[in-house]
Amino acid sequence: MLVGAGMVICLFLAGFVSFYASSAPDGLEKVAEDQGLMTTAQDSANATLPTADYGIAGVGSERLSGGLAGVLGVLVMAVIGFGLFWFLGRSKKSATVEKGAD
């Protein structure tokens, strides 16, 4: 129940509240601009990915693109997190069973 409520809250925040995030540069980017480092900046190796720049490529609406990217990010991290917990829990169970067999 708690995990489900947490997922709903995360999906809501990533999909809807992210529409209202500031479009101003973040702290690191602002300092780089102030110090003149942006003139030598290069694109990341990930700049060509469909989810680069906090959006999904090919979606016409910037708000929808950002919301979908947020929801996708939450779902991917949930799958990784739940998979990791399942794997570690399973490994711990099998180690306990093996110790009990000795």
N, C-alpha and C. Protein backbone atom coordinates (compact mmCIF):
# COMPACT_ATOMS: atom_id res chain seq x y z
N MET A 1 0.83 -1.19 0.00
CA MET A 1 0.00 0.00 0.00
C MET A 1 0.88 1.26 0.00
N LEU A 2 1.88 1.29 0.88
CA LEU A 2 2.76 2.44 0.98
C LEU A 2 3.58 2.61 -0.30
N VAL A 3 4.07 1.51 -0.84
CA VAL A 3 4.86 1.57 -2.07
C VAL A 3 3.99 2.06 -3.22
N GLY A 4 2.75 1.57 -3.29
CA GLY A 4 1.83 2.01 -4.34
C GLY A 4 1.53 3.50 -4.24
N ALA A 5 1.31 3.97 -3.02
CA ALA A 5 1.05 5.40 -2.82
C ALA A 5 2.28 6.22 -3.21
N GLY A 6 3.45 5.73 -2.87
CA GLY A 6 4.69 6.41 -3.24
C GLY A 6 4.87 6.48 -4.75
N MET A 7 4.52 5.41 -5.44
CA MET A 7 4.62 5.39 -6.90
C MET A 7 3.65 6.39 -7.52
N VAL A 8 2.43 6.44 -7.00
CA VAL A 8 1.44 7.38 -7.53
C VAL A 8 1.92 8.82 -7.33
N ILE A 9 2.45 9.11 -6.15
CA ILE A 9 2.97 10.46 -5.87
C ILE A 9 4.13 10.79 -6.80
N CYS A 10 5.06 9.86 -6.98
CA CYS A 10 6.21 10.09 -7.87
C CYS A 10 5.76 10.32 -9.30
N LEU A 11 4.82 9.51 -9.77
CA LEU A 11 4.33 9.67 -11.14
C LEU A 11 3.62 11.00 -11.32
N PHE A 12 2.85 11.42 -10.30
CA PHE A 12 2.17 12.72 -10.36
C PHE A 12 3.19 13.85 -10.41
N LEU A 13 4.19 13.80 -9.54
CA LEU A 13 5.20 14.85 -9.51
C LEU A 13 5.97 14.91 -10.83
N ALA A 14 6.38 13.75 -11.33
CA ALA A 14 7.17 13.71 -12.56
C ALA A 14 6.34 14.07 -13.78
N GLY A 15 5.08 13.66 -13.80
CA GLY A 15 4.27 13.87 -14.99
C GLY A 15 3.54 15.20 -15.03
N PHE A 16 3.18 15.75 -13.88
CA PHE A 16 2.38 16.96 -13.87
C PHE A 16 3.11 18.16 -13.27
N VAL A 17 3.68 17.99 -12.12
CA VAL A 17 4.33 19.12 -11.44
C VAL A 17 5.58 19.56 -12.20
N SER A 18 6.18 18.65 -12.94
CA SER A 18 7.38 19.02 -13.72
C SER A 18 7.06 20.08 -14.77
N PHE A 19 5.78 20.24 -15.14
CA PHE A 19 5.41 21.30 -16.09
C PHE A 19 5.78 22.67 -15.55
N TYR A 20 5.80 22.79 -14.23
CA TYR A 20 6.00 24.08 -13.60
C TYR A 20 7.43 24.31 -13.14
N ALA A 21 8.34 23.44 -13.54
CA ALA A 21 9.75 23.62 -13.19
C ALA A 21 10.30 24.85 -13.91
N SER A 22 11.25 25.46 -13.30
CA SER A 22 11.85 26.67 -13.87
C SER A 22 12.61 26.33 -15.14
N SER A 23 12.51 27.19 -16.12
CA SER A 23 13.28 26.99 -17.35
C SER A 23 14.63 27.69 -17.26
N ALA A 24 14.89 28.36 -16.15
CA ALA A 24 16.18 29.01 -15.94
C ALA A 24 17.27 27.94 -15.78
N PRO A 25 18.49 28.27 -16.15
CA PRO A 25 19.57 27.28 -16.02
C PRO A 25 19.79 26.90 -14.55
N ASP A 26 20.20 25.64 -14.36
CA ASP A 26 20.49 25.20 -12.99
C ASP A 26 21.77 25.86 -12.50
N GLY A 27 22.14 25.61 -11.27
CA GLY A 27 23.28 26.28 -10.65
C GLY A 27 24.58 26.08 -11.39
N LEU A 28 24.87 24.86 -11.77
CA LEU A 28 26.12 24.57 -12.46
C LEU A 28 26.18 25.26 -13.82
N GLU A 29 25.07 25.21 -14.53
CA GLU A 29 25.01 25.86 -15.84
C GLU A 29 25.13 27.38 -15.71
N LYS A 30 24.52 27.94 -14.68
CA LYS A 30 24.58 29.39 -14.44
C LYS A 30 26.02 29.84 -14.15
N VAL A 31 26.72 29.08 -13.33
CA VAL A 31 28.12 29.41 -13.02
C VAL A 31 28.97 29.29 -14.28
N ALA A 32 28.72 28.26 -15.09
CA ALA A 32 29.49 28.10 -16.33
C ALA A 32 29.25 29.27 -17.27
N GLU A 33 27.99 29.75 -17.33
CA GLU A 33 27.70 30.93 -18.16
C GLU A 33 28.41 32.16 -17.61
N ASP A 34 28.34 32.36 -16.29
CA ASP A 34 28.96 33.53 -15.66
C ASP A 34 30.48 33.54 -15.84
N GLN A 35 31.08 32.38 -15.84
CA GLN A 35 32.54 32.29 -15.96
C GLN A 35 33.01 32.18 -17.41
N GLY A 36 32.08 32.17 -18.35
CA GLY A 36 32.45 32.10 -19.76
C GLY A 36 32.85 30.72 -20.24
N LEU A 37 32.47 29.70 -19.52
CA LEU A 37 32.85 28.35 -19.90
C LEU A 37 31.91 27.73 -20.94
N MET A 38 30.75 28.34 -21.15
CA MET A 38 29.77 27.78 -22.08
C MET A 38 30.25 27.87 -23.53
N THR A 39 31.19 28.75 -23.80
CA THR A 39 31.68 28.88 -25.18
C THR A 39 32.51 27.68 -25.60
N THR A 40 33.08 26.97 -24.63
CA THR A 40 33.88 25.78 -24.95
C THR A 40 33.15 24.49 -24.61
N ALA A 41 31.91 24.60 -24.17
CA ALA A 41 31.15 23.40 -23.80
C ALA A 41 30.84 22.55 -25.03
N GLN A 42 30.85 21.24 -24.85
CA GLN A 42 30.52 20.30 -25.91
C GLN A 42 29.30 19.49 -25.50
N ASP A 43 28.56 19.02 -26.50
CA ASP A 43 27.41 18.18 -26.20
C ASP A 43 27.86 16.87 -25.57
N SER A 44 27.03 16.36 -24.71
CA SER A 44 27.28 15.07 -24.08
C SER A 44 27.15 13.96 -25.12
N ALA A 45 27.74 12.83 -24.83
CA ALA A 45 27.59 11.66 -25.70
C ALA A 45 26.14 11.20 -25.72
N ASN A 46 25.38 11.58 -24.70
CA ASN A 46 23.97 11.19 -24.60
C ASN A 46 23.03 12.19 -25.26
N ALA A 47 23.56 13.23 -25.87
CA ALA A 47 22.73 14.29 -26.45
C ALA A 47 21.86 13.81 -27.60
N THR A 48 22.21 12.69 -28.19
CA THR A 48 21.43 12.17 -29.32
C THR A 48 20.36 11.18 -28.89
N LEU A 49 20.30 10.85 -27.62
CA LEU A 49 19.28 9.91 -27.13
C LEU A 49 17.90 10.55 -27.23
N PRO A 50 16.86 9.73 -27.39
CA PRO A 50 15.50 10.27 -27.50
C PRO A 50 15.01 11.00 -26.25
N THR A 51 15.64 10.77 -25.12
CA THR A 51 15.20 11.41 -23.87
C THR A 51 16.18 12.48 -23.39
N ALA A 52 17.00 13.00 -24.27
CA ALA A 52 17.96 14.04 -23.88
C ALA A 52 17.24 15.35 -23.57
N ASP A 53 17.85 16.18 -22.76
CA ASP A 53 17.35 17.51 -22.40
C ASP A 53 15.98 17.49 -21.72
N TYR A 54 15.77 16.53 -20.85
CA TYR A 54 14.56 16.47 -20.03
C TYR A 54 13.28 16.43 -20.85
N GLY A 55 13.30 15.74 -21.96
CA GLY A 55 12.12 15.62 -22.81
C GLY A 55 12.24 14.40 -23.69
N ILE A 56 11.18 14.14 -24.44
CA ILE A 56 11.17 13.01 -25.37
C ILE A 56 11.12 13.58 -26.78
N ALA A 57 12.09 13.19 -27.59
CA ALA A 57 12.18 13.69 -28.96
C ALA A 57 10.95 13.28 -29.76
N GLY A 58 10.49 14.18 -30.61
CA GLY A 58 9.38 13.86 -31.49
C GLY A 58 8.01 14.22 -30.93
N VAL A 59 7.94 14.62 -29.66
CA VAL A 59 6.68 15.04 -29.07
C VAL A 59 6.57 16.55 -29.26
N GLY A 60 5.49 16.99 -29.90
CA GLY A 60 5.34 18.39 -30.27
C GLY A 60 5.25 19.35 -29.09
N SER A 61 4.54 18.98 -28.06
CA SER A 61 4.34 19.84 -26.90
C SER A 61 5.50 19.70 -25.92
N GLU A 62 6.12 20.83 -25.58
CA GLU A 62 7.24 20.79 -24.64
C GLU A 62 6.80 20.30 -23.26
N ARG A 63 5.62 20.73 -22.83
CA ARG A 63 5.10 20.31 -21.52
C ARG A 63 4.84 18.82 -21.50
N LEU A 64 4.19 18.31 -22.56
CA LEU A 64 3.91 16.87 -22.63
C LEU A 64 5.19 16.08 -22.73
N SER A 65 6.15 16.57 -23.50
CA SER A 65 7.43 15.91 -23.67
C SER A 65 8.16 15.77 -22.33
N GLY A 66 8.18 16.86 -21.55
CA GLY A 66 8.83 16.83 -20.24
C GLY A 66 8.11 15.92 -19.26
N GLY A 67 6.79 15.96 -19.29
CA GLY A 67 6.01 15.10 -18.40
C GLY A 67 6.20 13.63 -18.72
N LEU A 68 6.19 13.30 -20.00
CA LEU A 68 6.41 11.90 -20.41
C LEU A 68 7.81 11.42 -20.05
N ALA A 69 8.79 12.30 -20.21
CA ALA A 69 10.16 11.94 -19.85
C ALA A 69 10.26 11.68 -18.35
N GLY A 70 9.57 12.50 -17.54
CA GLY A 70 9.57 12.30 -16.10
C GLY A 70 8.91 10.98 -15.71
N VAL A 71 7.77 10.68 -16.32
CA VAL A 71 7.07 9.43 -16.04
C VAL A 71 7.93 8.24 -16.47
N LEU A 72 8.54 8.34 -17.64
CA LEU A 72 9.41 7.27 -18.12
C LEU A 72 10.59 7.06 -17.15
N GLY A 73 11.16 8.16 -16.68
CA GLY A 73 12.27 8.05 -15.73
C GLY A 73 11.84 7.38 -14.43
N VAL A 74 10.68 7.73 -13.92
CA VAL A 74 10.18 7.10 -12.68
C VAL A 74 9.96 5.61 -12.91
N LEU A 75 9.35 5.25 -14.04
CA LEU A 75 9.07 3.83 -14.32
C LEU A 75 10.35 3.03 -14.49
N VAL A 76 11.33 3.59 -15.20
CA VAL A 76 12.60 2.88 -15.39
C VAL A 76 13.30 2.67 -14.05
N MET A 77 13.34 3.72 -13.23
CA MET A 77 13.99 3.58 -11.92
C MET A 77 13.22 2.63 -11.00
N ALA A 78 11.90 2.59 -11.11
CA ALA A 78 11.10 1.66 -10.31
C ALA A 78 11.41 0.22 -10.72
N VAL A 79 11.49 -0.03 -12.00
CA VAL A 79 11.81 -1.38 -12.48
C VAL A 79 13.20 -1.79 -11.99
N ILE A 80 14.17 -0.89 -12.11
CA ILE A 80 15.53 -1.20 -11.64
C ILE A 80 15.53 -1.42 -10.13
N GLY A 81 14.87 -0.53 -9.39
CA GLY A 81 14.84 -0.66 -7.93
C GLY A 81 14.15 -1.92 -7.45
N PHE A 82 12.94 -2.18 -7.98
CA PHE A 82 12.22 -3.38 -7.57
C PHE A 82 12.97 -4.64 -7.99
N GLY A 83 13.58 -4.62 -9.18
CA GLY A 83 14.37 -5.76 -9.63
C GLY A 83 15.57 -6.01 -8.73
N LEU A 84 16.22 -4.93 -8.32
CA LEU A 84 17.37 -5.06 -7.42
C LEU A 84 16.95 -5.61 -6.06
N PHE A 85 15.86 -5.08 -5.50
CA PHE A 85 15.37 -5.60 -4.22
C PHE A 85 14.96 -7.06 -4.33
N TRP A 86 14.31 -7.43 -5.43
CA TRP A 86 13.90 -8.82 -5.61
C TRP A 86 15.13 -9.72 -5.70
N PHE A 87 16.12 -9.30 -6.50
CA PHE A 87 17.33 -10.09 -6.67
C PHE A 87 18.08 -10.25 -5.36
N LEU A 88 18.27 -9.14 -4.64
CA LEU A 88 19.00 -9.20 -3.37
C LEU A 88 18.24 -10.00 -2.32
N GLY A 89 16.92 -9.86 -2.30
CA GLY A 89 16.12 -10.64 -1.36
C GLY A 89 16.19 -12.12 -1.66
N ARG A 90 16.18 -12.45 -2.93
CA ARG A 90 16.26 -13.84 -3.34
C ARG A 90 17.63 -14.42 -3.00
N SER A 91 18.69 -13.62 -3.22
CA SER A 91 20.05 -14.09 -2.91
C SER A 91 20.21 -14.31 -1.41
N LYS A 92 19.64 -13.41 -0.61
CA LYS A 92 19.74 -13.55 0.84
C LYS A 92 18.98 -14.78 1.33
N LYS A 93 17.81 -15.03 0.72
CA LYS A 93 17.01 -16.20 1.09
C LYS A 93 17.76 -17.49 0.78
N SER A 94 18.36 -17.56 -0.42
CA SER A 94 19.08 -18.78 -0.81
C SER A 94 20.32 -18.97 0.05
N ALA A 95 20.98 -17.89 0.47
CA ALA A 95 22.15 -18.01 1.34
C ALA A 95 21.72 -18.52 2.72
N THR A 96 20.58 -18.08 3.21
CA THR A 96 20.06 -18.54 4.50
C THR A 96 19.68 -20.01 4.43
N VAL A 97 19.08 -20.43 3.33
CA VAL A 97 18.69 -21.83 3.16
C VAL A 97 19.92 -22.70 3.10
N GLU A 98 20.97 -22.26 2.39
CA GLU A 98 22.20 -23.02 2.29
C GLU A 98 22.89 -23.14 3.65
N LYS A 99 22.88 -22.09 4.47
CA LYS A 99 23.49 -22.15 5.80
C LYS A 99 22.74 -23.14 6.67
N GLY A 100 21.42 -23.16 6.55
CA GLY A 100 20.59 -24.06 7.36
C GLY A 100 20.81 -25.51 6.99
N ALA A 101 21.27 -25.79 5.77
CA ALA A 101 21.49 -27.16 5.32
C ALA A 101 22.77 -27.74 5.92
N ASP A 102 23.68 -26.89 6.39
CA ASP A 102 24.96 -27.38 6.93
C ASP A 102 24.80 -28.09 8.22
